[in-house]
Structures are given as C-alpha cells and as structure tokens.
Amino acid sequence: RPLSFPEGLAELPRALATALGARRRVARARALEPAAGGW
C-alpha cells in the first residue's frame, strides 16, 4: 500500500541525508578518471 509522511515524501530523503551528515557533500562531479587504487 502507498505510504508517505506528515510533511510529504521528501521527509525520507531528508532523513537519509541527515543521517549521512558530513558524508554527504553538495558539489557537482565534473569528471571521472582511473587513479592508483581506484578512481
């Protein structure tokens, strides 16, 4: 069945982002290239 939250479905991504804390950064990924040990 459909579920949501009192202030809308956006509560879910907001709560996930809050839990990630400093591990979430607002920035645009401009390019991707191989590097030693990964990317």
All heavy atoms as atom14 arrays in JSON, in Angstrom:
{
  "sequence": "RPLSFPEGLAELPRALATALGARRRVARARALEPAAGGW",
  "atom14_mask": [
    [1, 1, 1, 1, 1, 1, 1, 1, 1, 1, 1, 0, 0, 0],
    [1, 1, 1, 1, 1, 1, 1, 0, 0, 0, 0, 0, 0, 0],
    [1, 1, 1, 1, 1, 1, 1, 1, 0, 0, 0, 0, 0, 0],
    [1, 1, 1, 1, 1, 1, 0, 0, 0, 0, 0, 0, 0, 0],
    [1, 1, 1, 1, 1, 1, 1, 1, 1, 1, 1, 0, 0, 0],
    [1, 1, 1, 1, 1, 1, 1, 0, 0, 0, 0, 0, 0, 0],
    [1, 1, 1, 1, 1, 1, 1, 1, 1, 0, 0, 0, 0, 0],
    [1, 1, 1, 1, 0, 0, 0, 0, 0, 0, 0, 0, 0, 0],
    [1, 1, 1, 1, 1, 1, 1, 1, 0, 0, 0, 0, 0, 0],
    [1, 1, 1, 1, 1, 0, 0, 0, 0, 0, 0, 0, 0, 0],
    [1, 1, 1, 1, 1, 1, 1, 1, 1, 0, 0, 0, 0, 0],
    [1, 1, 1, 1, 1, 1, 1, 1, 0, 0, 0, 0, 0, 0],
    [1, 1, 1, 1, 1, 1, 1, 0, 0, 0, 0, 0, 0, 0],
    [1, 1, 1, 1, 1, 1, 1, 1, 1, 1, 1, 0, 0, 0],
    [1, 1, 1, 1, 1, 0, 0, 0, 0, 0, 0, 0, 0, 0],
    [1, 1, 1, 1, 1, 1, 1, 1, 0, 0, 0, 0, 0, 0],
    [1, 1, 1, 1, 1, 0, 0, 0, 0, 0, 0, 0, 0, 0],
    [1, 1, 1, 1, 1, 1, 1, 0, 0, 0, 0, 0, 0, 0],
    [1, 1, 1, 1, 1, 0, 0, 0, 0, 0, 0, 0, 0, 0],
    [1, 1, 1, 1, 1, 1, 1, 1, 0, 0, 0, 0, 0, 0],
    [1, 1, 1, 1, 0, 0, 0, 0, 0, 0, 0, 0, 0, 0],
    [1, 1, 1, 1, 1, 0, 0, 0, 0, 0, 0, 0, 0, 0],
    [1, 1, 1, 1, 1, 1, 1, 1, 1, 1, 1, 0, 0, 0],
    [1, 1, 1, 1, 1, 1, 1, 1, 1, 1, 1, 0, 0, 0],
    [1, 1, 1, 1, 1, 1, 1, 1, 1, 1, 1, 0, 0, 0],
    [1, 1, 1, 1, 1, 1, 1, 0, 0, 0, 0, 0, 0, 0],
    [1, 1, 1, 1, 1, 0, 0, 0, 0, 0, 0, 0, 0, 0],
    [1, 1, 1, 1, 1, 1, 1, 1, 1, 1, 1, 0, 0, 0],
    [1, 1, 1, 1, 1, 0, 0, 0, 0, 0, 0, 0, 0, 0],
    [1, 1, 1, 1, 1, 1, 1, 1, 1, 1, 1, 0, 0, 0],
    [1, 1, 1, 1, 1, 0, 0, 0, 0, 0, 0, 0, 0, 0],
    [1, 1, 1, 1, 1, 1, 1, 1, 0, 0, 0, 0, 0, 0],
    [1, 1, 1, 1, 1, 1, 1, 1, 1, 0, 0, 0, 0, 0],
    [1, 1, 1, 1, 1, 1, 1, 0, 0, 0, 0, 0, 0, 0],
    [1, 1, 1, 1, 1, 0, 0, 0, 0, 0, 0, 0, 0, 0],
    [1, 1, 1, 1, 1, 0, 0, 0, 0, 0, 0, 0, 0, 0],
    [1, 1, 1, 1, 0, 0, 0, 0, 0, 0, 0, 0, 0, 0],
    [1, 1, 1, 1, 0, 0, 0, 0, 0, 0, 0, 0, 0, 0],
    [1, 1, 1, 1, 1, 1, 1, 1, 1, 1, 1, 1, 1, 1]
  ],
  "atom14_positions": [
    [[0.84, -1.19, 0.0], [0.0, 0.0, 0.0], [0.88, 1.24, 0.0], [1.99, 1.24, 0.52], [-0.91, 0.0, 1.23], [-1.98, -1.08, 1.21], [-2.83, -1.0, 2.47], [-3.45, 0.31, 2.62], [-4.0, 0.73, 3.75], [-4.0, -0.05, 4.83], [-4.55, 1.94, 3.82], [0.0, 0.0, 0.0], [0.0, 0.0, 0.0], [0.0, 0.0, 0.0]],
    [[0.35, 2.34, -0.54], [1.13, 3.59, -0.55], [1.35, 4.12, 0.87], [0.46, 4.06, 1.72], [0.25, 4.55, -1.36], [-0.69, 3.68, -2.12], [-0.93, 2.48, -1.26], [0.0, 0.0, 0.0], [0.0, 0.0, 0.0], [0.0, 0.0, 0.0], [0.0, 0.0, 0.0], [0.0, 0.0, 0.0], [0.0, 0.0, 0.0], [0.0, 0.0, 0.0]],
    [[2.55, 4.63, 1.11], [2.83, 5.3, 2.38], [3.58, 6.6, 2.12], [4.26, 6.76, 1.12], [3.61, 4.4, 3.33], [5.06, 4.02, 3.02], [6.04, 5.12, 3.43], [5.43, 2.75, 3.75], [0.0, 0.0, 0.0], [0.0, 0.0, 0.0], [0.0, 0.0, 0.0], [0.0, 0.0, 0.0], [0.0, 0.0, 0.0], [0.0, 0.0, 0.0]],
    [[3.41, 7.52, 3.04], [4.13, 8.77, 3.0], [4.37, 9.22, 4.44], [4.34, 8.4, 5.35], [3.35, 9.82, 2.18], [4.12, 11.0, 2.02], [0.0, 0.0, 0.0], [0.0, 0.0, 0.0], [0.0, 0.0, 0.0], [0.0, 0.0, 0.0], [0.0, 0.0, 0.0], [0.0, 0.0, 0.0], [0.0, 0.0, 0.0], [0.0, 0.0, 0.0]],
    [[4.53, 10.53, 4.62], [4.84, 11.09, 5.94], [4.09, 12.4, 6.12], [3.62, 12.98, 5.14], [6.35, 11.27, 6.08], [7.13, 10.04, 5.73], [7.67, 9.87, 4.46], [7.28, 9.01, 6.65], [8.34, 8.72, 4.12], [7.96, 7.85, 6.32], [8.5, 7.7, 5.05], [0.0, 0.0, 0.0], [0.0, 0.0, 0.0], [0.0, 0.0, 0.0]],
    [[3.96, 12.89, 7.35], [3.14, 14.09, 7.59], [3.53, 15.29, 6.75], [2.68, 16.07, 6.34], [3.35, 14.36, 9.09], [3.65, 13.01, 9.67], [4.45, 12.3, 8.62], [0.0, 0.0, 0.0], [0.0, 0.0, 0.0], [0.0, 0.0, 0.0], [0.0, 0.0, 0.0], [0.0, 0.0, 0.0], [0.0, 0.0, 0.0], [0.0, 0.0, 0.0]],
    [[4.82, 15.48, 6.48], [5.26, 16.61, 5.66], [5.67, 16.17, 4.26], [6.46, 16.84, 3.59], [6.4, 17.36, 6.34], [5.97, 18.08, 7.6], [4.81, 19.05, 7.35], [4.89, 19.8, 6.35], [3.83, 19.04, 8.12], [0.0, 0.0, 0.0], [0.0, 0.0, 0.0], [0.0, 0.0, 0.0], [0.0, 0.0, 0.0], [0.0, 0.0, 0.0]],
    [[5.12, 15.05, 3.82], [5.33, 14.61, 2.46], [6.44, 13.6, 2.3], [7.21, 13.31, 3.24], [0.0, 0.0, 0.0], [0.0, 0.0, 0.0], [0.0, 0.0, 0.0], [0.0, 0.0, 0.0], [0.0, 0.0, 0.0], [0.0, 0.0, 0.0], [0.0, 0.0, 0.0], [0.0, 0.0, 0.0], [0.0, 0.0, 0.0], [0.0, 0.0, 0.0]],
    [[6.54, 13.06, 1.09], [7.53, 12.02, 0.81], [8.95, 12.53, 0.96], [9.87, 11.74, 1.19], [7.3, 11.47, -0.59], [8.01, 10.17, -0.95], [7.61, 9.05, 0.01], [7.7, 9.76, -2.39], [0.0, 0.0, 0.0], [0.0, 0.0, 0.0], [0.0, 0.0, 0.0], [0.0, 0.0, 0.0], [0.0, 0.0, 0.0], [0.0, 0.0, 0.0]],
    [[9.16, 13.85, 0.83], [10.51, 14.41, 0.95], [11.11, 14.2, 2.33], [12.33, 14.37, 2.51], [10.49, 15.9, 0.62], [0.0, 0.0, 0.0], [0.0, 0.0, 0.0], [0.0, 0.0, 0.0], [0.0, 0.0, 0.0], [0.0, 0.0, 0.0], [0.0, 0.0, 0.0], [0.0, 0.0, 0.0], [0.0, 0.0, 0.0], [0.0, 0.0, 0.0]],
    [[10.3, 13.82, 3.31], [10.86, 13.5, 4.63], [11.87, 12.37, 4.54], [12.84, 12.34, 5.3], [9.76, 13.13, 5.62], [8.98, 14.3, 6.18], [8.23, 13.93, 7.45], [8.81, 13.18, 8.27], [7.09, 14.36, 7.62], [0.0, 0.0, 0.0], [0.0, 0.0, 0.0], [0.0, 0.0, 0.0], [0.0, 0.0, 0.0], [0.0, 0.0, 0.0]],
    [[11.64, 11.42, 3.62], [12.53, 10.26, 3.52], [13.93, 10.66, 3.05], [14.92, 10.36, 3.74], [11.92, 9.2, 2.6], [12.75, 7.93, 2.37], [13.08, 7.24, 3.69], [12.01, 6.97, 1.43], [0.0, 0.0, 0.0], [0.0, 0.0, 0.0], [0.0, 0.0, 0.0], [0.0, 0.0, 0.0], [0.0, 0.0, 0.0], [0.0, 0.0, 0.0]],
    [[14.1, 11.34, 1.9], [15.46, 11.73, 1.52], [16.09, 12.7, 2.51], [17.31, 12.65, 2.73], [15.28, 12.37, 0.14], [13.84, 12.68, 0.02], [13.12, 11.66, 0.83], [0.0, 0.0, 0.0], [0.0, 0.0, 0.0], [0.0, 0.0, 0.0], [0.0, 0.0, 0.0], [0.0, 0.0, 0.0], [0.0, 0.0, 0.0], [0.0, 0.0, 0.0]],
    [[15.29, 13.57, 3.13], [15.88, 14.49, 4.12], [16.44, 13.73, 5.31], [17.53, 14.04, 5.81], [14.82, 15.51, 4.59], [14.55, 16.61, 3.61], [13.91, 17.81, 4.29], [12.62, 17.48, 4.89], [11.45, 17.67, 4.29], [11.41, 18.17, 3.06], [10.32, 17.37, 4.89], [0.0, 0.0, 0.0], [0.0, 0.0, 0.0], [0.0, 0.0, 0.0]],
    [[15.7, 12.72, 5.79], [16.18, 11.94, 6.93], [17.43, 11.14, 6.57], [18.35, 11.03, 7.38], [15.07, 11.0, 7.41], [0.0, 0.0, 0.0], [0.0, 0.0, 0.0], [0.0, 0.0, 0.0], [0.0, 0.0, 0.0], [0.0, 0.0, 0.0], [0.0, 0.0, 0.0], [0.0, 0.0, 0.0], [0.0, 0.0, 0.0], [0.0, 0.0, 0.0]],
    [[17.46, 10.59, 5.36], [18.64, 9.84, 4.93], [19.85, 10.76, 4.82], [20.97, 10.4, 5.23], [18.37, 9.15, 3.59], [17.32, 8.03, 3.6], [16.97, 7.61, 2.19], [17.82, 6.84, 4.42], [0.0, 0.0, 0.0], [0.0, 0.0, 0.0], [0.0, 0.0, 0.0], [0.0, 0.0, 0.0], [0.0, 0.0, 0.0], [0.0, 0.0, 0.0]],
    [[19.65, 11.96, 4.28], [20.75, 12.92, 4.15], [21.25, 13.37, 5.52], [22.46, 13.5, 5.74], [20.29, 14.12, 3.33], [0.0, 0.0, 0.0], [0.0, 0.0, 0.0], [0.0, 0.0, 0.0], [0.0, 0.0, 0.0], [0.0, 0.0, 0.0], [0.0, 0.0, 0.0], [0.0, 0.0, 0.0], [0.0, 0.0, 0.0], [0.0, 0.0, 0.0]],
    [[20.33, 13.59, 6.45], [20.72, 13.99, 7.8], [21.55, 12.91, 8.47], [22.55, 13.19, 9.14], [19.47, 14.3, 8.64], [18.75, 15.39, 8.04], [19.84, 14.66, 10.07], [0.0, 0.0, 0.0], [0.0, 0.0, 0.0], [0.0, 0.0, 0.0], [0.0, 0.0, 0.0], [0.0, 0.0, 0.0], [0.0, 0.0, 0.0], [0.0, 0.0, 0.0]],
    [[21.14, 11.65, 8.29], [21.88, 10.54, 8.89], [23.28, 10.42, 8.3], [24.23, 10.06, 9.01], [21.11, 9.23, 8.69], [0.0, 0.0, 0.0], [0.0, 0.0, 0.0], [0.0, 0.0, 0.0], [0.0, 0.0, 0.0], [0.0, 0.0, 0.0], [0.0, 0.0, 0.0], [0.0, 0.0, 0.0], [0.0, 0.0, 0.0], [0.0, 0.0, 0.0]],
    [[23.44, 10.75, 7.02], [24.77, 10.68, 6.4], [25.67, 11.8, 6.9], [26.9, 11.65, 6.94], [24.64, 10.75, 4.88], [24.09, 9.51, 4.18], [23.78, 9.81, 2.73], [25.09, 8.36, 4.28], [0.0, 0.0, 0.0], [0.0, 0.0, 0.0], [0.0, 0.0, 0.0], [0.0, 0.0, 0.0], [0.0, 0.0, 0.0], [0.0, 0.0, 0.0]],
    [[25.08, 12.93, 7.29], [25.86, 14.02, 7.84], [26.93, 14.53, 6.9], [26.68, 14.8, 5.73], [0.0, 0.0, 0.0], [0.0, 0.0, 0.0], [0.0, 0.0, 0.0], [0.0, 0.0, 0.0], [0.0, 0.0, 0.0], [0.0, 0.0, 0.0], [0.0, 0.0, 0.0], [0.0, 0.0, 0.0], [0.0, 0.0, 0.0], [0.0, 0.0, 0.0]],
    [[28.16, 14.63, 7.42], [29.28, 15.17, 6.63], [29.68, 14.26, 5.49], [30.44, 14.68, 4.6], [30.48, 15.42, 7.54], [0.0, 0.0, 0.0], [0.0, 0.0, 0.0], [0.0, 0.0, 0.0], [0.0, 0.0, 0.0], [0.0, 0.0, 0.0], [0.0, 0.0, 0.0], [0.0, 0.0, 0.0], [0.0, 0.0, 0.0], [0.0, 0.0, 0.0]],
    [[29.17, 13.02, 5.47], [29.5, 12.12, 4.36], [28.79, 12.53, 3.08], [29.15, 12.08, 1.99], [29.12, 10.68, 4.72], [30.06, 10.06, 5.75], [29.57, 8.72, 6.23], [28.34, 8.85, 7.03], [27.88, 7.91, 7.85], [28.53, 6.76, 7.97], [26.76, 8.1, 8.54], [0.0, 0.0, 0.0], [0.0, 0.0, 0.0], [0.0, 0.0, 0.0]],
    [[27.77, 13.39, 3.2], [27.1, 13.95, 2.01], [27.65, 15.35, 1.76], [27.63, 16.2, 2.64], [25.6, 14.02, 2.23], [24.84, 14.67, 1.07], [23.35, 14.71, 1.34], [22.62, 15.35, 0.25], [22.28, 16.63, 0.2], [22.58, 17.44, 1.22], [21.63, 17.12, -0.84], [0.0, 0.0, 0.0], [0.0, 0.0, 0.0], [0.0, 0.0, 0.0]],
    [[28.13, 15.57, 0.56], [28.63, 16.89, 0.19], [27.91, 17.39, -1.05], [27.61, 16.61, -1.96], [30.14, 16.88, -0.04], [30.6, 15.96, -1.16], [32.1, 16.07, -1.38], [32.85, 15.45, -0.3], [34.18, 15.47, -0.2], [34.89, 16.1, -1.11], [34.79, 14.87, 0.8], [0.0, 0.0, 0.0], [0.0, 0.0, 0.0], [0.0, 0.0, 0.0]],
    [[27.6, 18.68, -1.04], [26.92, 19.29, -2.18], [27.98, 19.81, -3.14], [28.69, 20.78, -2.85], [25.98, 20.42, -1.73], [25.31, 21.06, -2.95], [24.93, 19.88, -0.76], [0.0, 0.0, 0.0], [0.0, 0.0, 0.0], [0.0, 0.0, 0.0], [0.0, 0.0, 0.0], [0.0, 0.0, 0.0], [0.0, 0.0, 0.0], [0.0, 0.0, 0.0]],
    [[28.1, 19.15, -4.26], [29.08, 19.51, -5.28], [28.72, 18.8, -6.57], [27.97, 17.81, -6.56], [30.49, 19.11, -4.85], [0.0, 0.0, 0.0], [0.0, 0.0, 0.0], [0.0, 0.0, 0.0], [0.0, 0.0, 0.0], [0.0, 0.0, 0.0], [0.0, 0.0, 0.0], [0.0, 0.0, 0.0], [0.0, 0.0, 0.0], [0.0, 0.0, 0.0]],
    [[29.24, 19.29, -7.69], [28.99, 18.65, -8.97], [30.21, 17.84, -9.39], [31.34, 18.34, -9.36], [28.68, 19.69, -10.05], [28.36, 19.08, -11.42], [28.06, 20.17, -12.43], [26.85, 20.89, -12.08], [25.6, 20.49, -12.41], [25.44, 19.36, -13.08], [24.56, 21.2, -12.07], [0.0, 0.0, 0.0], [0.0, 0.0, 0.0], [0.0, 0.0, 0.0]],
    [[29.97, 16.58, -9.73], [31.05, 15.74, -10.27], [31.29, 16.14, -11.71], [30.42, 15.99, -12.57], [30.66, 14.27, -10.18], [0.0, 0.0, 0.0], [0.0, 0.0, 0.0], [0.0, 0.0, 0.0], [0.0, 0.0, 0.0], [0.0, 0.0, 0.0], [0.0, 0.0, 0.0], [0.0, 0.0, 0.0], [0.0, 0.0, 0.0], [0.0, 0.0, 0.0]],
    [[32.48, 16.69, -11.98], [32.79, 17.22, -13.31], [33.43, 16.19, -14.23], [33.23, 16.21, -15.44], [33.74, 18.41, -13.16], [33.2, 19.54, -12.31], [32.12, 20.28, -13.04], [31.59, 21.41, -12.26], [30.62, 22.21, -12.69], [30.09, 22.01, -13.87], [30.19, 23.21, -11.94], [0.0, 0.0, 0.0], [0.0, 0.0, 0.0], [0.0, 0.0, 0.0]],
    [[34.23, 15.3, -13.65], [34.94, 14.3, -14.47], [35.34, 13.13, -13.6], [35.4, 13.23, -12.36], [36.18, 14.93, -15.12], [0.0, 0.0, 0.0], [0.0, 0.0, 0.0], [0.0, 0.0, 0.0], [0.0, 0.0, 0.0], [0.0, 0.0, 0.0], [0.0, 0.0, 0.0], [0.0, 0.0, 0.0], [0.0, 0.0, 0.0], [0.0, 0.0, 0.0]],
    [[35.63, 12.03, -14.26], [35.98, 10.78, -13.59], [37.13, 10.16, -14.35], [37.09, 10.05, -15.57], [34.75, 9.86, -13.6], [34.82, 8.51, -12.94], [35.01, 8.66, -11.42], [33.53, 7.72, -13.23], [0.0, 0.0, 0.0], [0.0, 0.0, 0.0], [0.0, 0.0, 0.0], [0.0, 0.0, 0.0], [0.0, 0.0, 0.0], [0.0, 0.0, 0.0]],
    [[38.17, 9.74, -13.6], [39.31, 9.11, -14.27], [39.93, 8.06, -13.36], [39.88, 8.16, -12.13], [40.35, 10.15, -14.65], [40.98, 10.87, -13.46], [42.04, 11.87, -13.89], [42.05, 12.27, -15.07], [42.85, 12.26, -13.03], [0.0, 0.0, 0.0], [0.0, 0.0, 0.0], [0.0, 0.0, 0.0], [0.0, 0.0, 0.0], [0.0, 0.0, 0.0]],
    [[40.51, 7.01, -13.97], [41.19, 6.0, -13.16], [42.37, 6.62, -12.41], [43.03, 7.53, -12.9], [41.67, 4.98, -14.2], [40.82, 5.22, -15.4], [40.53, 6.68, -15.41], [0.0, 0.0, 0.0], [0.0, 0.0, 0.0], [0.0, 0.0, 0.0], [0.0, 0.0, 0.0], [0.0, 0.0, 0.0], [0.0, 0.0, 0.0], [0.0, 0.0, 0.0]],
    [[42.61, 6.12, -11.22], [43.74, 6.58, -10.4], [44.3, 5.38, -9.67], [43.71, 4.29, -9.67], [43.3, 7.65, -9.42], [0.0, 0.0, 0.0], [0.0, 0.0, 0.0], [0.0, 0.0, 0.0], [0.0, 0.0, 0.0], [0.0, 0.0, 0.0], [0.0, 0.0, 0.0], [0.0, 0.0, 0.0], [0.0, 0.0, 0.0], [0.0, 0.0, 0.0]],
    [[45.45, 5.55, -9.06], [46.08, 4.46, -8.32], [45.14, 3.96, -7.24], [44.69, 4.72, -6.39], [47.4, 4.95, -7.7], [0.0, 0.0, 0.0], [0.0, 0.0, 0.0], [0.0, 0.0, 0.0], [0.0, 0.0, 0.0], [0.0, 0.0, 0.0], [0.0, 0.0, 0.0], [0.0, 0.0, 0.0], [0.0, 0.0, 0.0], [0.0, 0.0, 0.0]],
    [[44.83, 2.68, -7.3], [43.97, 2.08, -6.29], [42.5, 2.33, -6.48], [41.69, 2.0, -5.62], [0.0, 0.0, 0.0], [0.0, 0.0, 0.0], [0.0, 0.0, 0.0], [0.0, 0.0, 0.0], [0.0, 0.0, 0.0], [0.0, 0.0, 0.0], [0.0, 0.0, 0.0], [0.0, 0.0, 0.0], [0.0, 0.0, 0.0], [0.0, 0.0, 0.0]],
    [[42.11, 2.93, -7.62], [40.69, 3.15, -7.82], [40.38, 4.26, -8.79], [40.81, 4.23, -9.94], [0.0, 0.0, 0.0], [0.0, 0.0, 0.0], [0.0, 0.0, 0.0], [0.0, 0.0, 0.0], [0.0, 0.0, 0.0], [0.0, 0.0, 0.0], [0.0, 0.0, 0.0], [0.0, 0.0, 0.0], [0.0, 0.0, 0.0], [0.0, 0.0, 0.0]],
    [[39.67, 5.3, -8.29], [39.16, 6.35, -9.16], [39.37, 7.72, -8.54], [39.4, 7.88, -7.32], [37.66, 6.15, -9.43], [37.39, 4.92, -10.23], [37.18, 3.67, -9.75], [37.34, 4.83, -11.64], [36.99, 2.78, -10.79], [37.07, 3.48, -11.97], [37.46, 5.75, -12.68], [36.94, 3.03, -13.27], [37.33, 5.32, -13.98], [37.07, 3.96, -14.28]]
  ]
}
